[in-house]
Amino acid sequence: MTMKPSFEFLLKDAPNPATARAFVQALVDTGKFARNEKSTICFKVGEPDDYIYLVRKQDLTAVLEDELAVKITGDVGDACWDCLWFMLTSRKHHLPRIGGAWNPDAPLPVRHVAPADRYVRGRDTAR
């Protein structure tokens, strides 16, 4: 039997950035949280790539209350879910991306080349 990771939330530690960092890291360590190409927070519910979107605080609350990924201990209440939602949404860029890199290689810059008949011996003939 494997133990689910747990995160102790204390309301007095909520303003501390280290708490947000530790919470998001606990979610990343489960391997079930990620973000898609639109930076929407996703939760893995199946294999191989079956995800649900967590777009509202209530979605995250449902996942955490059911202890599907992380067990939340400490000061659990309405304020807890609000703080955890704010912590996750403010640090969602730390979640792994689904499918690797999304942007193809950038095209090479286009060099502006003037028409050959416009310049004669360094003078602009278009005037």
C-alpha atoms as a PDB file:
ATOM      1  CA  MET A   1       0.000   0.000   0.000  1.00  0.00           C
ATOM      2  CA  THR A   2       1.434   3.354  -1.039  1.00  0.00           C
ATOM      3  CA  MET A   3       0.969   6.483   1.006  1.00  0.00           C
ATOM      4  CA  LYS A   4      -0.440   9.519  -0.721  1.00  0.00           C
ATOM      5  CA  PRO A   5       1.689  12.611  -0.356  1.00  0.00           C
ATOM      6  CA  SER A   6       0.302  15.115   2.093  1.00  0.00           C
ATOM      7  CA  PHE A   7       0.526  18.870   2.395  1.00  0.00           C
ATOM      8  CA  GLU A   8      -0.007  20.693   5.672  1.00  0.00           C
ATOM      9  CA  PHE A   9      -1.787  23.982   5.120  1.00  0.00           C
ATOM     10  CA  LEU A  10      -1.591  26.537   7.918  1.00  0.00           C
ATOM     11  CA  LEU A  11      -3.448  29.795   7.450  1.00  0.00           C
ATOM     12  CA  LYS A  12      -0.686  31.749   9.194  1.00  0.00           C
ATOM     13  CA  ASP A  13       1.815  30.523   6.557  1.00  0.00           C
ATOM     14  CA  ALA A  14      -0.410  31.299   3.546  1.00  0.00           C
ATOM     15  CA  PRO A  15       1.203  34.693   2.689  1.00  0.00           C
ATOM     16  CA  ASN A  16       4.661  33.108   2.585  1.00  0.00           C
ATOM     17  CA  PRO A  17       5.824  32.422  -1.017  1.00  0.00           C
ATOM     18  CA  ALA A  18       7.609  29.284   0.190  1.00  0.00           C
ATOM     19  CA  THR A  19       4.221  27.795   1.097  1.00  0.00           C
ATOM     20  CA  ALA A  20       2.926  28.294  -2.447  1.00  0.00           C
ATOM     21  CA  ARG A  21       6.129  26.824  -3.837  1.00  0.00           C
ATOM     22  CA  ALA A  22       5.858  23.762  -1.567  1.00  0.00           C
ATOM     23  CA  PHE A  23       2.187  23.239  -2.460  1.00  0.00           C
ATOM     24  CA  VAL A  24       2.760  23.386  -6.217  1.00  0.00           C
ATOM     25  CA  GLN A  25       5.811  21.139  -5.871  1.00  0.00           C
ATOM     26  CA  ALA A  26       3.704  18.599  -3.955  1.00  0.00           C
ATOM     27  CA  LEU A  27       1.218  18.607  -6.854  1.00  0.00           C
ATOM     28  CA  VAL A  28       3.983  18.257  -9.442  1.00  0.00           C
ATOM     29  CA  ASP A  29       5.504  15.340  -7.518  1.00  0.00           C
ATOM     30  CA  THR A  30       2.265  13.363  -7.896  1.00  0.00           C
ATOM     31  CA  GLY A  31       2.640  13.424 -11.679  1.00  0.00           C
ATOM     32  CA  LYS A  32      -1.089  14.077 -12.071  1.00  0.00           C
ATOM     33  CA  PHE A  33      -1.105  17.844 -12.561  1.00  0.00           C
ATOM     34  CA  ALA A  34      -0.038  19.580 -15.762  1.00  0.00           C
ATOM     35  CA  ARG A  35      -0.975  22.453 -18.047  1.00  0.00           C
ATOM     36  CA  ASN A  36      -1.991  22.362 -21.676  1.00  0.00           C
ATOM     37  CA  GLU A  37      -1.020  24.641 -24.561  1.00  0.00           C
ATOM     38  CA  LYS A  38      -3.548  27.258 -23.405  1.00  0.00           C
ATOM     39  CA  SER A  39      -2.048  27.130 -19.890  1.00  0.00           C
ATOM     40  CA  THR A  40      -5.190  25.544 -18.468  1.00  0.00           C
ATOM     41  CA  ILE A  41      -4.536  23.482 -15.349  1.00  0.00           C
ATOM     42  CA  CYS A  42      -5.234  19.801 -16.034  1.00  0.00           C
ATOM     43  CA  PHE A  43      -5.601  16.788 -13.744  1.00  0.00           C
ATOM     44  CA  LYS A  44      -4.766  13.311 -15.032  1.00  0.00           C
ATOM     45  CA  VAL A  45      -7.607  10.874 -14.377  1.00  0.00           C
ATOM     46  CA  GLY A  46      -6.623   7.984 -16.607  1.00  0.00           C
ATOM     47  CA  GLU A  47      -4.107   6.546 -18.964  1.00  0.00           C
ATOM     48  CA  PRO A  48      -2.467   7.403 -21.260  1.00  0.00           C
ATOM     49  CA  ASP A  49      -3.593  11.013 -21.721  1.00  0.00           C
ATOM     50  CA  ASP A  50      -6.986  11.411 -20.094  1.00  0.00           C
ATOM     51  CA  TYR A  51      -7.185  14.803 -18.389  1.00  0.00           C
ATOM     52  CA  ILE A  52      -9.892  16.994 -16.888  1.00  0.00           C
ATOM     53  CA  TYR A  53      -9.615  20.759 -16.749  1.00  0.00           C
ATOM     54  CA  LEU A  54      -9.461  22.538 -13.412  1.00  0.00           C
ATOM     55  CA  VAL A  55     -10.837  25.923 -14.385  1.00  0.00           C
ATOM     56  CA  ARG A  56     -12.668  26.822 -11.172  1.00  0.00           C
ATOM     57  CA  LYS A  57     -11.804  26.714  -7.498  1.00  0.00           C
ATOM     58  CA  GLN A  58     -14.568  24.155  -7.010  1.00  0.00           C
ATOM     59  CA  ASP A  59     -12.860  21.774  -9.456  1.00  0.00           C
ATOM     60  CA  LEU A  60      -9.610  21.857  -7.482  1.00  0.00           C
ATOM     61  CA  THR A  61     -11.511  21.593  -4.201  1.00  0.00           C
ATOM     62  CA  ALA A  62     -13.294  18.453  -5.390  1.00  0.00           C
ATOM     63  CA  VAL A  63     -10.021  16.801  -6.420  1.00  0.00           C
ATOM     64  CA  LEU A  64      -8.285  17.676  -3.151  1.00  0.00           C
ATOM     65  CA  GLU A  65     -11.231  16.818  -0.880  1.00  0.00           C
ATOM     66  CA  ASP A  66     -11.475  13.372  -2.478  1.00  0.00           C
ATOM     67  CA  GLU A  67      -7.720  12.948  -1.867  1.00  0.00           C
ATOM     68  CA  LEU A  68      -7.175  11.788  -5.439  1.00  0.00           C
ATOM     69  CA  ALA A  69      -3.679  13.253  -5.503  1.00  0.00           C
ATOM     70  CA  VAL A  70      -2.610  14.959  -2.284  1.00  0.00           C
ATOM     71  CA  LYS A  71      -4.000  14.788   1.240  1.00  0.00           C
ATOM     72  CA  ILE A  72      -4.487  18.260   2.700  1.00  0.00           C
ATOM     73  CA  THR A  73      -4.053  18.543   6.470  1.00  0.00           C
ATOM     74  CA  GLY A  74      -4.024  21.462   8.880  1.00  0.00           C
ATOM     75  CA  ASP A  75      -6.415  24.413   8.709  1.00  0.00           C
ATOM     76  CA  VAL A  76      -8.839  22.918   6.194  1.00  0.00           C
ATOM     77  CA  GLY A  77     -11.841  25.126   5.463  1.00  0.00           C
ATOM     78  CA  ASP A  78     -13.203  27.633   2.972  1.00  0.00           C
ATOM     79  CA  ALA A  79     -10.205  29.912   3.398  1.00  0.00           C
ATOM     80  CA  CYS A  80      -7.909  26.949   2.760  1.00  0.00           C
ATOM     81  CA  TRP A  81      -9.466  26.160  -0.625  1.00  0.00           C
ATOM     82  CA  ASP A  82      -9.351  29.820  -1.648  1.00  0.00           C
ATOM     83  CA  CYS A  83      -5.670  30.114  -0.734  1.00  0.00           C
ATOM     84  CA  LEU A  84      -4.712  26.841  -2.425  1.00  0.00           C
ATOM     85  CA  TRP A  85      -6.528  27.889  -5.606  1.00  0.00           C
ATOM     86  CA  PHE A  86      -4.710  31.236  -5.635  1.00  0.00           C
ATOM     87  CA  MET A  87      -1.396  29.502  -4.976  1.00  0.00           C
ATOM     88  CA  LEU A  88      -1.902  27.091  -7.860  1.00  0.00           C
ATOM     89  CA  THR A  89      -3.131  29.626 -10.404  1.00  0.00           C
ATOM     90  CA  SER A  90      -0.341  32.076  -9.608  1.00  0.00           C
ATOM     91  CA  ARG A  91       2.315  29.377 -10.057  1.00  0.00           C
ATOM     92  CA  LYS A  92       0.752  27.304 -12.843  1.00  0.00           C
ATOM     93  CA  HIS A  93       3.686  28.071 -15.120  1.00  0.00           C
ATOM     94  CA  HIS A  94       5.678  25.677 -12.905  1.00  0.00           C
ATOM     95  CA  LEU A  95       3.445  22.740 -13.857  1.00  0.00           C
ATOM     96  CA  PRO A  96       4.803  20.411 -16.528  1.00  0.00           C
ATOM     97  CA  ARG A  97       3.455  20.890 -20.043  1.00  0.00           C
ATOM     98  CA  ILE A  98       1.379  18.242 -21.754  1.00  0.00           C
ATOM     99  CA  GLY A  99       3.011  17.039 -24.950  1.00  0.00           C
ATOM    100  CA  GLY A 100       6.334  18.826 -24.676  1.00  0.00           C
ATOM    101  CA  ALA A 101       7.136  21.975 -26.655  1.00  0.00           C
ATOM    102  CA  TRP A 102       4.213  23.563 -28.471  1.00  0.00           C
ATOM    103  CA  ASN A 103       5.799  26.196 -30.670  1.00  0.00           C
ATOM    104  CA  PRO A 104       7.618  25.121 -33.800  1.00  0.00           C
ATOM    105  CA  ASP A 105      10.993  26.607 -34.542  1.00  0.00           C
ATOM    106  CA  ALA A 106      10.729  30.297 -35.267  1.00  0.00           C
ATOM    107  CA  PRO A 107      11.196  31.225 -38.915  1.00  0.00           C
ATOM    108  CA  LEU A 108      14.377  32.991 -39.862  1.00  0.00           C
ATOM    109  CA  PRO A 109      14.077  36.770 -40.036  1.00  0.00           C
ATOM    110  CA  VAL A 110      13.336  38.141 -43.488  1.00  0.00           C
ATOM    111  CA  ARG A 111      16.012  40.466 -44.764  1.00  0.00           C
ATOM    112  CA  HIS A 112      14.693  43.547 -46.441  1.00  0.00           C
ATOM    113  CA  VAL A 113      16.263  43.840 -49.851  1.00  0.00           C
ATOM    114  CA  ALA A 114      15.451  46.885 -51.935  1.00  0.00           C
ATOM    115  CA  PRO A 115      14.735  46.449 -55.634  1.00  0.00           C
ATOM    116  CA  ALA A 116      17.879  46.668 -57.720  1.00  0.00           C
ATOM    117  CA  ASP A 117      16.657  49.550 -59.906  1.00  0.00           C
ATOM    118  CA  ARG A 118      15.905  51.854 -56.988  1.00  0.00           C
ATOM    119  CA  TYR A 119      19.492  52.520 -55.958  1.00  0.00           C
ATOM    120  CA  VAL A 120      22.064  53.861 -58.372  1.00  0.00           C
ATOM    121  CA  ARG A 121      25.566  54.397 -57.025  1.00  0.00           C
ATOM    122  CA  GLY A 122      24.298  54.990 -53.481  1.00  0.00           C
ATOM    123  CA  ARG A 123      21.606  57.499 -54.467  1.00  0.00           C
ATOM    124  CA  ASP A 124      17.913  56.985 -53.962  1.00  0.00           C
ATOM    125  CA  THR A 125      16.270  57.419 -57.387  1.00  0.00           C
ATOM    126  CA  ALA A 126      12.719  56.984 -56.120  1.00  0.00           C
ATOM    127  CA  ARG A 127      12.420  60.657 -55.093  1.00  0.00           C
END
